[in-house]
Amino acid sequence: MAQEGYDKLINLTDSRYRLSMVVALRAAQLKMGVPTVLEPGTLSSMENSVTVAMKELETGAGVVWGDDLPPLDEVRRLVEVRKPEPVNTFVGTPFDDDDD
């Protein structure tokens, strides 16, 4: 976890282990499609999910940290991609019986 602000991050938790676990859980959520709470333009779009999670923790950007993170199964259910219903392009075109 060599990054600017590491001292601030370690002071937000009671151990390096908890810091690693919290950041890993949030990074997993980000990878599954849960959007970041950082302001647009805070980080480049090329940043990896661990860097984004650490920045969210460092800035206190509205993420509930610690044991209050939802289980990954619940997050998967929330961000599950639903299949769109097929669009019928023939709806609303009446048949004309007079052309025979």
PDB file of N, CA and C in Angstrom:
ATOM      1  N   MET A   1       0.821  -1.190   0.000  1.00  0.00           N
ATOM      2  CA  MET A   1       0.000   0.000   0.000  1.00  0.00           C
ATOM      3  C   MET A   1       0.862   1.250   0.000  1.00  0.00           C
ATOM      4  N   ALA A   2       1.849   1.288  -0.826  1.00  0.00           N
ATOM      5  CA  ALA A   2       2.698   2.462  -0.909  1.00  0.00           C
ATOM      6  C   ALA A   2       1.966   3.527  -1.704  1.00  0.00           C
ATOM      7  N   GLN A   3       1.506   4.555  -1.013  1.00  0.00           N
ATOM      8  CA  GLN A   3       0.743   5.615  -1.657  1.00  0.00           C
ATOM      9  C   GLN A   3       0.778   6.835  -0.750  1.00  0.00           C
ATOM     10  N   GLU A   4       0.626   8.013  -1.398  1.00  0.00           N
ATOM     11  CA  GLU A   4       0.501   9.226  -0.603  1.00  0.00           C
ATOM     12  C   GLU A   4      -0.705   9.082   0.310  1.00  0.00           C
ATOM     13  N   GLY A   5      -0.609   9.614   1.494  1.00  0.00           N
ATOM     14  CA  GLY A   5      -1.742   9.570   2.406  1.00  0.00           C
ATOM     15  C   GLY A   5      -1.850   8.284   3.204  1.00  0.00           C
ATOM     16  N   TYR A   6      -0.845   7.407   3.100  1.00  0.00           N
ATOM     17  CA  TYR A   6      -0.918   6.144   3.837  1.00  0.00           C
ATOM     18  C   TYR A   6      -1.008   6.391   5.334  1.00  0.00           C
ATOM     19  N   ASP A   7      -0.257   7.386   5.839  1.00  0.00           N
ATOM     20  CA  ASP A   7      -0.308   7.688   7.272  1.00  0.00           C
ATOM     21  C   ASP A   7      -1.716   8.076   7.695  1.00  0.00           C
ATOM     22  N   LYS A   8      -2.381   8.853   6.859  1.00  0.00           N
ATOM     23  CA  LYS A   8      -3.758   9.246   7.173  1.00  0.00           C
ATOM     24  C   LYS A   8      -4.672   8.024   7.149  1.00  0.00           C
ATOM     25  N   LEU A   9      -4.482   7.153   6.168  1.00  0.00           N
ATOM     26  CA  LEU A   9      -5.310   5.951   6.064  1.00  0.00           C
ATOM     27  C   LEU A   9      -5.129   5.031   7.263  1.00  0.00           C
ATOM     28  N   ILE A  10      -3.900   4.810   7.671  1.00  0.00           N
ATOM     29  CA  ILE A  10      -3.650   3.893   8.783  1.00  0.00           C
ATOM     30  C   ILE A  10      -4.216   4.458  10.083  1.00  0.00           C
ATOM     31  N   ASN A  11      -4.286   5.776  10.198  1.00  0.00           N
ATOM     32  CA  ASN A  11      -4.866   6.390  11.394  1.00  0.00           C
ATOM     33  C   ASN A  11      -6.391   6.293  11.419  1.00  0.00           C
ATOM     34  N   LEU A  12      -7.021   5.988  10.299  1.00  0.00           N
ATOM     35  CA  LEU A  12      -8.477   5.847  10.244  1.00  0.00           C
ATOM     36  C   LEU A  12      -8.948   4.469  10.698  1.00  0.00           C
ATOM     37  N   THR A  13      -8.028   3.518  10.810  1.00  0.00           N
ATOM     38  CA  THR A  13      -8.384   2.164  11.219  1.00  0.00           C
ATOM     39  C   THR A  13      -7.538   1.762  12.413  1.00  0.00           C
ATOM     40  N   ASP A  14      -7.885   0.623  13.001  1.00  0.00           N
ATOM     41  CA  ASP A  14      -7.135   0.183  14.174  1.00  0.00           C
ATOM     42  C   ASP A  14      -5.964  -0.734  13.839  1.00  0.00           C
ATOM     43  N   SER A  15      -5.852  -1.152  12.560  1.00  0.00           N
ATOM     44  CA  SER A  15      -4.728  -2.013  12.186  1.00  0.00           C
ATOM     45  C   SER A  15      -4.530  -2.002  10.673  1.00  0.00           C
ATOM     46  N   ARG A  16      -3.345  -2.421  10.259  1.00  0.00           N
ATOM     47  CA  ARG A  16      -3.078  -2.536   8.820  1.00  0.00           C
ATOM     48  C   ARG A  16      -3.952  -3.614   8.195  1.00  0.00           C
ATOM     49  N   TYR A  17      -4.229  -4.668   8.964  1.00  0.00           N
ATOM     50  CA  TYR A  17      -5.075  -5.743   8.451  1.00  0.00           C
ATOM     51  C   TYR A  17      -6.475  -5.213   8.129  1.00  0.00           C
ATOM     52  N   ARG A  18      -7.074  -4.469   9.071  1.00  0.00           N
ATOM     53  CA  ARG A  18      -8.416  -3.941   8.834  1.00  0.00           C
ATOM     54  C   ARG A  18      -8.410  -2.970   7.659  1.00  0.00           C
ATOM     55  N   LEU A  19      -7.385  -2.153   7.556  1.00  0.00           N
ATOM     56  CA  LEU A  19      -7.276  -1.235   6.423  1.00  0.00           C
ATOM     57  C   LEU A  19      -7.243  -2.019   5.113  1.00  0.00           C
ATOM     58  N   SER A  20      -6.445  -3.076   5.070  1.00  0.00           N
ATOM     59  CA  SER A  20      -6.355  -3.896   3.855  1.00  0.00           C
ATOM     60  C   SER A  20      -7.690  -4.543   3.520  1.00  0.00           C
ATOM     61  N   MET A  21      -8.394  -5.048   4.524  1.00  0.00           N
ATOM     62  CA  MET A  21      -9.675  -5.709   4.293  1.00  0.00           C
ATOM     63  C   MET A  21     -10.744  -4.728   3.818  1.00  0.00           C
ATOM     64  N   VAL A  22     -10.811  -3.563   4.447  1.00  0.00           N
ATOM     65  CA  VAL A  22     -11.815  -2.571   4.066  1.00  0.00           C
ATOM     66  C   VAL A  22     -11.568  -2.088   2.640  1.00  0.00           C
ATOM     67  N   VAL A  23     -10.317  -1.794   2.322  1.00  0.00           N
ATOM     68  CA  VAL A  23      -9.986  -1.332   0.973  1.00  0.00           C
ATOM     69  C   VAL A  23     -10.259  -2.441  -0.049  1.00  0.00           C
ATOM     70  N   ALA A  24      -9.929  -3.673   0.293  1.00  0.00           N
ATOM     71  CA  ALA A  24     -10.170  -4.786  -0.632  1.00  0.00           C
ATOM     72  C   ALA A  24     -11.663  -4.997  -0.878  1.00  0.00           C
ATOM     73  N   LEU A  25     -12.472  -4.902   0.172  1.00  0.00           N
ATOM     74  CA  LEU A  25     -13.921  -5.058   0.003  1.00  0.00           C
ATOM     75  C   LEU A  25     -14.496  -3.956  -0.881  1.00  0.00           C
ATOM     76  N   ARG A  26     -14.074  -2.728  -0.635  1.00  0.00           N
ATOM     77  CA  ARG A  26     -14.592  -1.620  -1.444  1.00  0.00           C
ATOM     78  C   ARG A  26     -14.101  -1.738  -2.886  1.00  0.00           C
ATOM     79  N   ALA A  27     -12.854  -2.150  -3.082  1.00  0.00           N
ATOM     80  CA  ALA A  27     -12.329  -2.327  -4.440  1.00  0.00           C
ATOM     81  C   ALA A  27     -13.111  -3.409  -5.177  1.00  0.00           C
ATOM     82  N   ALA A  28     -13.486  -4.473  -4.475  1.00  0.00           N
ATOM     83  CA  ALA A  28     -14.290  -5.527  -5.100  1.00  0.00           C
ATOM     84  C   ALA A  28     -15.654  -4.989  -5.516  1.00  0.00           C
ATOM     85  N   GLN A  29     -16.251  -4.141  -4.673  1.00  0.00           N
ATOM     86  CA  GLN A  29     -17.525  -3.528  -5.034  1.00  0.00           C
ATOM     87  C   GLN A  29     -17.374  -2.672  -6.283  1.00  0.00           C
ATOM     88  N   LEU A  30     -16.314  -1.896  -6.339  1.00  0.00           N
ATOM     89  CA  LEU A  30     -16.080  -1.037  -7.501  1.00  0.00           C
ATOM     90  C   LEU A  30     -15.906  -1.870  -8.765  1.00  0.00           C
ATOM     91  N   LYS A  31     -15.185  -2.988  -8.653  1.00  0.00           N
ATOM     92  CA  LYS A  31     -14.969  -3.852  -9.827  1.00  0.00           C
ATOM     93  C   LYS A  31     -16.272  -4.476 -10.312  1.00  0.00           C
ATOM     94  N   MET A  32     -17.222  -4.686  -9.390  1.00  0.00           N
ATOM     95  CA  MET A  32     -18.498  -5.285  -9.771  1.00  0.00           C
ATOM     96  C   MET A  32     -19.482  -4.259 -10.317  1.00  0.00           C
ATOM     97  N   GLY A  33     -19.054  -3.008 -10.374  1.00  0.00           N
ATOM     98  CA  GLY A  33     -19.915  -2.012 -10.999  1.00  0.00           C
ATOM     99  C   GLY A  33     -20.565  -1.023 -10.065  1.00  0.00           C
ATOM    100  N   VAL A  34     -20.336  -1.137  -8.763  1.00  0.00           N
ATOM    101  CA  VAL A  34     -20.870  -0.140  -7.846  1.00  0.00           C
ATOM    102  C   VAL A  34     -20.117   1.156  -8.115  1.00  0.00           C
ATOM    103  N   PRO A  35     -20.819   2.245  -8.413  1.00  0.00           N
ATOM    104  CA  PRO A  35     -20.113   3.468  -8.802  1.00  0.00           C
ATOM    105  C   PRO A  35     -19.335   4.096  -7.649  1.00  0.00           C
ATOM    106  N   THR A  36     -18.308   4.834  -7.997  1.00  0.00           N
ATOM    107  CA  THR A  36     -17.519   5.541  -6.998  1.00  0.00           C
ATOM    108  C   THR A  36     -18.294   6.747  -6.486  1.00  0.00           C
ATOM    109  N   VAL A  37     -17.987   7.148  -5.260  1.00  0.00           N
ATOM    110  CA  VAL A  37     -18.640   8.320  -4.682  1.00  0.00           C
ATOM    111  C   VAL A  37     -17.760   9.564  -4.794  1.00  0.00           C
ATOM    112  N   LEU A  38     -16.615   9.416  -5.447  1.00  0.00           N
ATOM    113  CA  LEU A  38     -15.734  10.565  -5.638  1.00  0.00           C
ATOM    114  C   LEU A  38     -16.318  11.502  -6.688  1.00  0.00           C
ATOM    115  N   GLU A  39     -15.999  12.770  -6.562  1.00  0.00           N
ATOM    116  CA  GLU A  39     -16.446  13.754  -7.544  1.00  0.00           C
ATOM    117  C   GLU A  39     -15.818  13.437  -8.900  1.00  0.00           C
ATOM    118  N   PRO A  40     -16.558  13.647  -9.980  1.00  0.00           N
ATOM    119  CA  PRO A  40     -15.972  13.426 -11.309  1.00  0.00           C
ATOM    120  C   PRO A  40     -14.727  14.286 -11.501  1.00  0.00           C
ATOM    121  N   GLY A  41     -13.701  13.693 -12.069  1.00  0.00           N
ATOM    122  CA  GLY A  41     -12.461  14.411 -12.311  1.00  0.00           C
ATOM    123  C   GLY A  41     -11.463  14.331 -11.173  1.00  0.00           C
ATOM    124  N   THR A  42     -11.842  13.712 -10.043  1.00  0.00           N
ATOM    125  CA  THR A  42     -10.915  13.573  -8.921  1.00  0.00           C
ATOM    126  C   THR A  42      -9.752  12.668  -9.292  1.00  0.00           C
ATOM    127  N   LEU A  43     -10.057  11.578  -9.970  1.00  0.00           N
ATOM    128  CA  LEU A  43      -9.035  10.636 -10.420  1.00  0.00           C
ATOM    129  C   LEU A  43      -9.195  10.426 -11.913  1.00  0.00           C
ATOM    130  N   SER A  44      -8.122  10.026 -12.554  1.00  0.00           N
ATOM    131  CA  SER A  44      -8.239   9.720 -13.978  1.00  0.00           C
ATOM    132  C   SER A  44      -9.018   8.418 -14.148  1.00  0.00           C
ATOM    133  N   SER A  45      -9.569   8.220 -15.313  1.00  0.00           N
ATOM    134  CA  SER A  45     -10.353   7.013 -15.572  1.00  0.00           C
ATOM    135  C   SER A  45      -9.481   5.764 -15.619  1.00  0.00           C
ATOM    136  N   MET A  46      -8.176   5.933 -15.645  1.00  0.00           N
ATOM    137  CA  MET A  46      -7.258   4.798 -15.720  1.00  0.00           C
ATOM    138  C   MET A  46      -6.869   4.262 -14.341  1.00  0.00           C
ATOM    139  N   GLU A  47      -7.323   4.886 -13.258  1.00  0.00           N
ATOM    140  CA  GLU A  47      -6.958   4.434 -11.914  1.00  0.00           C
ATOM    141  C   GLU A  47      -7.586   3.073 -11.638  1.00  0.00           C
ATOM    142  N   ASN A  48      -6.852   2.227 -10.914  1.00  0.00           N
ATOM    143  CA  ASN A  48      -7.408   0.916 -10.592  1.00  0.00           C
ATOM    144  C   ASN A  48      -8.346   1.017  -9.391  1.00  0.00           C
ATOM    145  N   SER A  49      -9.107  -0.028  -9.149  1.00  0.00           N
ATOM    146  CA  SER A  49     -10.145   0.011  -8.121  1.00  0.00           C
ATOM    147  C   SER A  49      -9.571   0.143  -6.710  1.00  0.00           C
ATOM    148  N   VAL A  50      -8.389  -0.394  -6.462  1.00  0.00           N
ATOM    149  CA  VAL A  50      -7.780  -0.267  -5.137  1.00  0.00           C
ATOM    150  C   VAL A  50      -7.412   1.189  -4.866  1.00  0.00           C
ATOM    151  N   THR A  51      -6.853   1.868  -5.851  1.00  0.00           N
ATOM    152  CA  THR A  51      -6.508   3.281  -5.696  1.00  0.00           C
ATOM    153  C   THR A  51      -7.757   4.114  -5.447  1.00  0.00           C
ATOM    154  N   VAL A  52      -8.830   3.820  -6.166  1.00  0.00           N
ATOM    155  CA  VAL A  52     -10.080   4.555  -5.979  1.00  0.00           C
ATOM    156  C   VAL A  52     -10.627   4.305  -4.577  1.00  0.00           C
ATOM    157  N   ALA A  53     -10.606   3.053  -4.118  1.00  0.00           N
ATOM    158  CA  ALA A  53     -11.095   2.728  -2.778  1.00  0.00           C
ATOM    159  C   ALA A  53     -10.280   3.441  -1.705  1.00  0.00           C
ATOM    160  N   MET A  54      -8.963   3.478  -1.880  1.00  0.00           N
ATOM    161  CA  MET A  54      -8.114   4.167  -0.907  1.00  0.00           C
ATOM    162  C   MET A  54      -8.397   5.664  -0.903  1.00  0.00           C
ATOM    163  N   LYS A  55      -8.615   6.246  -2.067  1.00  0.00           N
ATOM    164  CA  LYS A  55      -8.914   7.675  -2.154  1.00  0.00           C
ATOM    165  C   LYS A  55     -10.266   7.978  -1.503  1.00  0.00           C
ATOM    166  N   GLU A  56     -11.250   7.087  -1.699  1.00  0.00           N
ATOM    167  CA  GLU A  56     -12.547   7.274  -1.050  1.00  0.00           C
ATOM    168  C   GLU A  56     -12.407   7.248   0.466  1.00  0.00           C
ATOM    169  N   LEU A  57     -11.634   6.310   0.978  1.00  0.00           N
ATOM    170  CA  LEU A  57     -11.420   6.228   2.418  1.00  0.00           C
ATOM    171  C   LEU A  57     -10.686   7.458   2.923  1.00  0.00           C
ATOM    172  N   GLU A  58      -9.666   7.877   2.201  1.00  0.00           N
ATOM    173  CA  GLU A  58      -8.863   9.032   2.613  1.00  0.00           C
ATOM    174  C   GLU A  58      -9.696  10.305   2.669  1.00  0.00           C
ATOM    175  N   THR A  59     -10.585  10.492   1.694  1.00  0.00           N
ATOM    176  CA  THR A  59     -11.384  11.720   1.650  1.00  0.00           C
ATOM    177  C   THR A  59     -12.659  11.617   2.469  1.00  0.00           C
ATOM    178  N   GLY A  60     -13.012  10.409   2.912  1.00  0.00           N
ATOM    179  CA  GLY A  60     -14.262  10.241   3.648  1.00  0.00           C
ATOM    180  C   GLY A  60     -15.454  10.598   2.788  1.00  0.00           C
ATOM    181  N   ALA A  61     -15.478  10.099   1.573  1.00  0.00           N
ATOM    182  CA  ALA A  61     -16.431  10.529   0.552  1.00  0.00           C
ATOM    183  C   ALA A  61     -17.800   9.875   0.666  1.00  0.00           C
ATOM    184  N   GLY A  62     -18.317   9.676   1.858  1.00  0.00           N
ATOM    185  CA  GLY A  62     -19.673   9.179   2.009  1.00  0.00           C
ATOM    186  C   GLY A  62     -19.834   7.678   1.978  1.00  0.00           C
ATOM    187  N   VAL A  63     -18.751   6.931   1.917  1.00  0.00           N
ATOM    188  CA  VAL A  63     -18.835   5.475   1.931  1.00  0.00           C
ATOM    189  C   VAL A  63     -18.869   5.020   3.383  1.00  0.00           C
ATOM    190  N   VAL A  64     -19.765   4.084   3.694  1.00  0.00           N
ATOM    191  CA  VAL A  64     -19.814   3.523   5.041  1.00  0.00           C
ATOM    192  C   VAL A  64     -18.751   2.443   5.125  1.00  0.00           C
ATOM    193  N   TRP A  65     -17.771   2.642   5.989  1.00  0.00           N
ATOM    194  CA  TRP A  65     -16.627   1.746   6.064  1.00  0.00           C
ATOM    195  C   TRP A  65     -16.748   0.808   7.245  1.00  0.00           C
ATOM    196  N   GLY A  66     -16.018  -0.275   7.189  1.00  0.00           N
ATOM    197  CA  GLY A  66     -15.937  -1.204   8.306  1.00  0.00           C
ATOM    198  C   GLY A  66     -16.913  -2.345   8.165  1.00  0.00           C
ATOM    199  N   ASP A  67     -17.474  -2.777   9.287  1.00  0.00           N
ATOM    200  CA  ASP A  67     -18.373  -3.926   9.290  1.00  0.00           C
ATOM    201  C   ASP A  67     -19.708  -3.617   8.623  1.00  0.00           C
ATOM    202  N   ASP A  68     -19.980  -2.359   8.321  1.00  0.00           N
ATOM    203  CA  ASP A  68     -21.254  -1.977   7.728  1.00  0.00           C
ATOM    204  C   ASP A  68     -21.295  -2.153   6.217  1.00  0.00           C
ATOM    205  N   LEU A  69     -20.185  -2.544   5.597  1.00  0.00           N
ATOM    206  CA  LEU A  69     -20.217  -2.806   4.160  1.00  0.00           C
ATOM    207  C   LEU A  69     -21.155  -3.973   3.896  1.00  0.00           C
ATOM    208  N   PRO A  70     -22.002  -3.873   2.874  1.00  0.00           N
ATOM    209  CA  PRO A  70     -22.901  -4.991   2.581  1.00  0.00           C
ATOM    210  C   PRO A  70     -22.116  -6.203   2.095  1.00  0.00           C
ATOM    211  N   PRO A  71     -22.639  -7.403   2.339  1.00  0.00           N
ATOM    212  CA  PRO A  71     -21.955  -8.602   1.842  1.00  0.00           C
ATOM    213  C   PRO A  71     -21.856  -8.571   0.318  1.00  0.00           C
ATOM    214  N   LEU A  72     -20.830  -9.207  -0.211  1.00  0.00           N
ATOM    215  CA  LEU A  72     -20.619  -9.189  -1.656  1.00  0.00           C
ATOM    216  C   LEU A  72     -21.776  -9.822  -2.420  1.00  0.00           C
ATOM    217  N   ASP A  73     -22.443 -10.832  -1.827  1.00  0.00           N
ATOM    218  CA  ASP A  73     -23.600 -11.433  -2.504  1.00  0.00           C
ATOM    219  C   ASP A  73     -24.714 -10.414  -2.689  1.00  0.00           C
ATOM    220  N   GLU A  74     -24.917  -9.579  -1.674  1.00  0.00           N
ATOM    221  CA  GLU A  74     -25.942  -8.543  -1.783  1.00  0.00           C
ATOM    222  C   GLU A  74     -25.555  -7.497  -2.823  1.00  0.00           C
ATOM    223  N   VAL A  75     -24.280  -7.142  -2.866  1.00  0.00           N
ATOM    224  CA  VAL A  75     -23.817  -6.170  -3.858  1.00  0.00           C
ATOM    225  C   VAL A  75     -23.970  -6.748  -5.258  1.00  0.00           C
ATOM    226  N   ARG A  76     -23.627  -8.028  -5.419  1.00  0.00           N
ATOM    227  CA  ARG A  76     -23.796  -8.668  -6.731  1.00  0.00           C
ATOM    228  C   ARG A  76     -25.255  -8.614  -7.176  1.00  0.00           C
ATOM    229  N   ARG A  77     -26.163  -8.856  -6.223  1.00  0.00           N
ATOM    230  CA  ARG A  77     -27.585  -8.817  -6.544  1.00  0.00           C
ATOM    231  C   ARG A  77     -28.012  -7.410  -6.945  1.00  0.00           C
ATOM    232  N   LEU A  78     -27.460  -6.405  -6.276  1.00  0.00           N
ATOM    233  CA  LEU A  78     -27.827  -5.024  -6.570  1.00  0.00           C
ATOM    234  C   LEU A  78     -27.326  -4.566  -7.928  1.00  0.00           C
ATOM    235  N   VAL A  79     -26.155  -5.033  -8.326  1.00  0.00           N
ATOM    236  CA  VAL A  79     -25.576  -4.561  -9.585  1.00  0.00           C
ATOM    237  C   VAL A  79     -25.717  -5.580 -10.711  1.00  0.00           C
ATOM    238  N   GLU A  80     -26.492  -6.634 -10.458  1.00  0.00           N
ATOM    239  CA  GLU A  80     -26.683  -7.664 -11.478  1.00  0.00           C
ATOM    240  C   GLU A  80     -27.283  -7.039 -12.733  1.00  0.00           C
ATOM    241  N   VAL A  81     -26.697  -7.370 -13.846  1.00  0.00           N
ATOM    242  CA  VAL A  81     -27.175  -6.834 -15.118  1.00  0.00           C
ATOM    243  C   VAL A  81     -28.422  -7.605 -15.515  1.00  0.00           C
ATOM    244  N   ARG A  82     -29.494  -6.884 -15.690  1.00  0.00           N
ATOM    245  CA  ARG A  82     -30.749  -7.517 -16.093  1.00  0.00           C
ATOM    246  C   ARG A  82     -30.865  -7.489 -17.606  1.00  0.00           C
ATOM    247  N   LYS A  83     -31.368  -8.566 -18.149  1.00  0.00           N
ATOM    248  CA  LYS A  83     -31.531  -8.649 -19.600  1.00  0.00           C
ATOM    249  C   LYS A  83     -32.693  -7.755 -20.014  1.00  0.00           C
ATOM    250  N   PRO A  84     -32.487  -6.907 -21.001  1.00  0.00           N
ATOM    251  CA  PRO A  84     -33.598  -6.061 -21.456  1.00  0.00           C
ATOM    252  C   PRO A  84     -34.636  -6.902 -22.189  1.00  0.00           C
ATOM    253  N   GLU A  85     -35.885  -6.460 -22.078  1.00  0.00           N
ATOM    254  CA  GLU A  85     -36.951  -7.158 -22.793  1.00  0.00           C
ATOM    255  C   GLU A  85     -36.814  -6.867 -24.280  1.00  0.00           C
ATOM    256  N   PRO A  86     -37.090  -7.867 -25.123  1.00  0.00           N
ATOM    257  CA  PRO A  86     -36.981  -7.626 -26.568  1.00  0.00           C
ATOM    258  C   PRO A  86     -38.028  -6.609 -27.020  1.00  0.00           C
ATOM    259  N   VAL A  87     -37.636  -5.787 -27.951  1.00  0.00           N
ATOM    260  CA  VAL A  87     -38.521  -4.764 -28.481  1.00  0.00           C
ATOM    261  C   VAL A  87     -39.168  -5.310 -29.744  1.00  0.00           C
ATOM    262  N   ASN A  88     -40.487  -5.257 -29.791  1.00  0.00           N
ATOM    263  CA  ASN A  88     -41.226  -5.728 -30.956  1.00  0.00           C
ATOM    264  C   ASN A  88     -41.437  -4.543 -31.886  1.00  0.00           C
ATOM    265  N   THR A  89     -40.813  -4.576 -33.049  1.00  0.00           N
ATOM    266  CA  THR A  89     -40.904  -3.448 -33.979  1.00  0.00           C
ATOM    267  C   THR A  89     -42.178  -3.465 -34.793  1.00  0.00           C
ATOM    268  N   PHE A  90     -42.954  -4.546 -34.699  1.00  0.00           N
ATOM    269  CA  PHE A  90     -44.163  -4.652 -35.503  1.00  0.00           C
ATOM    270  C   PHE A  90     -45.412  -4.189 -34.764  1.00  0.00           C
ATOM    271  N   VAL A  91     -45.274  -3.777 -33.542  1.00  0.00           N
ATOM    272  CA  VAL A  91     -46.429  -3.318 -32.777  1.00  0.00           C
ATOM    273  C   VAL A  91     -46.929  -2.013 -33.362  1.00  0.00           C
ATOM    274  N   GLY A  92     -48.211  -1.898 -33.512  1.00  0.00           N
ATOM    275  CA  GLY A  92     -48.797  -0.646 -33.982  1.00  0.00           C
ATOM    276  C   GLY A  92     -48.882  -0.527 -35.487  1.00  0.00           C
ATOM    277  N   THR A  93     -48.604  -1.595 -36.248  1.00  0.00           N
ATOM    278  CA  THR A  93     -48.747  -1.552 -37.707  1.00  0.00           C
ATOM    279  C   THR A  93     -49.913  -2.455 -38.090  1.00  0.00           C
ATOM    280  N   PRO A  94     -51.105  -1.874 -38.290  1.00  0.00           N
ATOM    281  CA  PRO A  94     -52.284  -2.696 -38.588  1.00  0.00           C
ATOM    282  C   PRO A  94     -52.188  -3.309 -39.980  1.00  0.00           C
ATOM    283  N   PHE A  95     -52.783  -4.479 -40.105  1.00  0.00           N
ATOM    284  CA  PHE A  95     -52.843  -5.148 -41.404  1.00  0.00           C
ATOM    285  C   PHE A  95     -54.014  -4.583 -42.201  1.00  0.00           C
ATOM    286  N   ASP A  96     -53.823  -4.410 -43.471  1.00  0.00           N
ATOM    287  CA  ASP A  96     -54.876  -3.886 -44.341  1.00  0.00           C
ATOM    288  C   ASP A  96     -55.412  -5.041 -45.178  1.00  0.00           C
ATOM    289  N   ASP A  97     -56.665  -5.420 -44.957  1.00  0.00           N
ATOM    290  CA  ASP A  97     -57.272  -6.543 -45.671  1.00  0.00           C
ATOM    291  C   ASP A  97     -57.803  -6.141 -47.044  1.00  0.00           C
ATOM    292  N   ASP A  98     -57.826  -4.849 -47.382  1.00  0.00           N
ATOM    293  CA  ASP A  98     -58.418  -4.390 -48.634  1.00  0.00           C
ATOM    294  C   ASP A  98     -57.484  -4.536 -49.833  1.00  0.00           C
ATOM    295  N   ASP A  99     -56.204  -4.857 -49.649  1.00  0.00           N
ATOM    296  CA  ASP A  99     -55.251  -4.914 -50.753  1.00  0.00           C
ATOM    297  C   ASP A  99     -55.350  -6.192 -51.571  1.00  0.00           C
ATOM    298  N   ASP A 100     -56.138  -7.168 -51.196  1.00  0.00           N
ATOM    299  CA  ASP A 100     -56.210  -8.437 -51.927  1.00  0.00           C
ATOM    300  C   ASP A 100     -56.908  -8.336 -53.218  1.00  0.00           C
TER     301      ASP A 100
END
